[in-house]
Protein backbone atom coordinates (compact mmCIF):
# COMPACT_ATOMS: atom_id res chain seq x y z
CA MET A 1 -1.40 13.34 19.07
CA THR A 2 -3.83 15.30 17.05
CA VAL A 3 -4.79 13.51 13.90
CA GLU A 4 -6.69 16.22 11.94
CA GLN A 5 -5.03 16.34 8.40
CA HIS A 6 -3.82 19.80 8.08
CA PRO A 7 -1.66 19.97 4.94
CA ALA A 8 1.52 20.74 7.00
CA ARG A 9 0.70 18.03 9.25
CA ALA A 10 0.07 15.62 6.75
CA ALA A 11 3.37 16.52 4.97
CA GLY A 12 5.08 16.10 8.37
CA LEU A 13 3.69 12.66 8.94
CA ALA A 14 4.26 11.58 5.52
CA SER A 15 7.97 12.50 5.78
CA GLN A 16 8.42 10.74 9.19
CA ALA A 17 6.87 7.70 7.55
CA ALA A 18 9.18 7.85 4.54
CA VAL A 19 12.15 8.40 7.09
CA ARG A 20 11.08 5.19 9.31
CA ALA A 21 10.82 3.27 5.81
CA LYS A 22 14.53 4.42 4.77
CA ASP A 23 12.55 5.54 1.47
CA LYS A 24 14.87 8.39 0.19
CA GLU A 25 13.08 9.08 -3.13
CA SER A 26 9.50 9.14 -1.41
CA TRP A 27 11.02 11.41 1.13
CA LEU A 28 12.60 13.60 -1.58
CA ASP A 29 9.30 13.84 -3.60
CA LEU A 30 7.67 15.31 -0.63
CA PHE A 31 9.65 18.53 -0.99
CA ALA A 32 8.94 21.65 -3.25
CA ALA A 33 11.75 22.37 -5.92
CA GLU A 34 12.90 25.13 -3.72
CA GLY A 35 12.34 23.15 -0.28
CA SER A 36 14.92 23.13 2.52
CA VAL A 37 16.21 21.05 5.36
CA GLU A 38 17.66 22.71 8.53
CA ASP A 39 18.37 19.65 10.87
CA PRO A 40 19.61 20.80 13.35
CA VAL A 41 19.15 24.43 12.91
CA GLY A 42 22.33 26.44 12.86
CA ARG A 43 25.82 25.04 12.42
CA SER A 44 26.37 21.47 12.86
CA GLY A 45 28.47 18.63 11.39
CA PHE A 46 25.67 18.19 8.74
CA ASP A 47 25.62 21.77 7.98
CA PRO A 48 28.86 23.56 8.60
CA ASP A 49 27.90 27.06 7.30
CA GLY A 50 24.42 26.80 9.09
CA THR A 51 22.53 27.87 6.12
CA GLY A 52 20.83 24.73 5.47
CA HIS A 53 20.40 22.46 2.47
CA HIS A 54 18.44 23.86 -0.35
CA GLY A 55 16.98 22.01 -3.48
CA ARG A 56 16.57 18.27 -3.95
CA GLU A 57 20.23 17.53 -4.55
CA ALA A 58 21.48 19.17 -1.46
CA ILE A 59 18.56 17.47 0.55
CA GLY A 60 19.52 14.17 -0.89
CA LYS A 61 23.20 14.80 0.29
CA PHE A 62 21.79 15.57 3.74
CA TRP A 63 19.97 12.32 3.54
CA ALA A 64 23.21 10.32 2.82
CA MET A 65 25.22 11.83 5.50
CA SER A 66 22.51 11.73 8.15
CA ILE A 67 19.33 9.64 7.71
CA GLY A 68 21.25 7.15 5.45
CA THR A 69 23.74 6.42 8.16
CA THR A 70 21.02 5.29 10.69
CA GLU A 71 19.94 1.61 11.37
CA SER A 72 16.62 2.81 12.32
CA ILE A 73 14.63 6.01 13.46
CA GLU A 74 11.61 6.18 15.56
CA PHE A 75 9.45 9.48 16.02
CA LEU A 76 8.22 9.73 19.42
CA PHE A 77 6.19 12.66 19.43
CA ASP A 78 4.00 14.02 22.10
CA ASP A 79 1.78 16.42 20.01
CA SER A 80 1.64 18.45 17.01
CA PHE A 81 0.27 21.87 16.32
CA ALA A 82 -0.79 23.28 12.84
CA CYS A 83 -1.34 26.86 11.88
CA GLY A 84 -1.34 28.63 8.67
CA SER A 85 0.96 26.75 6.22
CA GLU A 86 2.98 25.15 9.12
CA ALA A 87 2.92 22.33 11.76
CA VAL A 88 5.10 21.68 14.54
CA PHE A 89 5.73 18.46 16.17
CA THR A 90 7.15 18.06 19.60
CA GLY A 91 8.90 15.01 21.33
CA THR A 92 11.71 12.80 20.59
CA ILE A 93 13.51 11.42 17.61
CA ARG A 94 15.31 8.03 18.71
CA SER A 95 18.12 7.05 15.99
CA VAL A 96 20.06 3.79 16.21
CA VAL A 97 23.50 4.53 14.61
CA GLY A 98 26.19 1.94 14.86
CA GLY A 99 24.74 -0.05 17.63
CA MET A 100 23.87 3.02 19.67
CA VAL A 101 20.63 4.54 20.54
CA ILE A 102 20.52 8.29 20.52
CA ASP A 103 17.37 10.52 21.59
CA ALA A 104 16.97 13.92 20.10
CA GLU A 105 14.28 15.82 22.15
CA GLY A 106 13.26 18.94 20.42
CA VAL A 107 10.67 20.76 18.16
CA PHE A 108 10.44 19.85 14.48
CA THR A 109 8.55 22.21 12.06
CA TYR A 110 7.16 21.61 8.63
CA ARG A 111 6.06 24.63 6.22
CA VAL A 112 4.22 23.66 3.01
CA ASP A 113 3.37 25.52 -0.11
CA GLU A 114 -0.24 25.59 -1.54
CA SER A 115 0.07 22.11 -3.00
CA GLY A 116 1.26 20.68 0.33
CA LYS A 117 4.89 20.08 -0.73
CA ILE A 118 7.48 20.88 1.97
CA LEU A 119 9.22 24.33 1.52
CA ALA A 120 11.04 24.07 5.01
CA LEU A 121 11.88 21.33 7.47
CA ARG A 122 13.31 22.66 10.51
CA ALA A 123 14.59 20.69 13.52
CA PHE A 124 15.29 22.53 16.88
CA TRP A 125 17.61 19.95 18.84
CA GLU A 126 20.83 20.08 20.82
CA ILE A 127 23.50 17.80 19.64
CA GLU A 128 25.37 17.63 22.84
CA ARG A 129 22.26 16.91 24.79
CA ALA A 130 21.34 14.20 22.21
CA MET A 131 24.74 12.57 22.61
CA ARG A 132 24.36 12.24 26.41
CA THR A 133 21.52 9.93 25.88
CA ALA A 134 23.65 7.48 23.78
CA HIS A 135 23.69 4.02 24.94
CA LYS A 136 24.15 0.51 23.31
CA VAL A 137 21.04 -1.24 21.72
């Protein structure tokens, strides 16, 4: 993976580190006040309207129903690309939930403001495809 510290890449790596550490407050602090999360993009059990989670309170609720339910999360990313105010990471997020390992392959984007705060975290992955990978730890 490219290690150059473009602001959006740095925010993405910091986000991943906070999630791995299960540090909700540090993760929330990475977002701009008007920040949003779409994970996955579109309608899902996490986001029935498909409009995303906007602002600290809504993003905190997203954490509680998704990241907070995991036993662990690993970011197995192959590469990252940074352009303008955004970075994209490609690869797999491996979650352990209820004693089951689930791999979500996809593309994960981070857009930051001029101060490096996350304006948008968007995750492009397919729930059904990820669920087909589920197996016991």
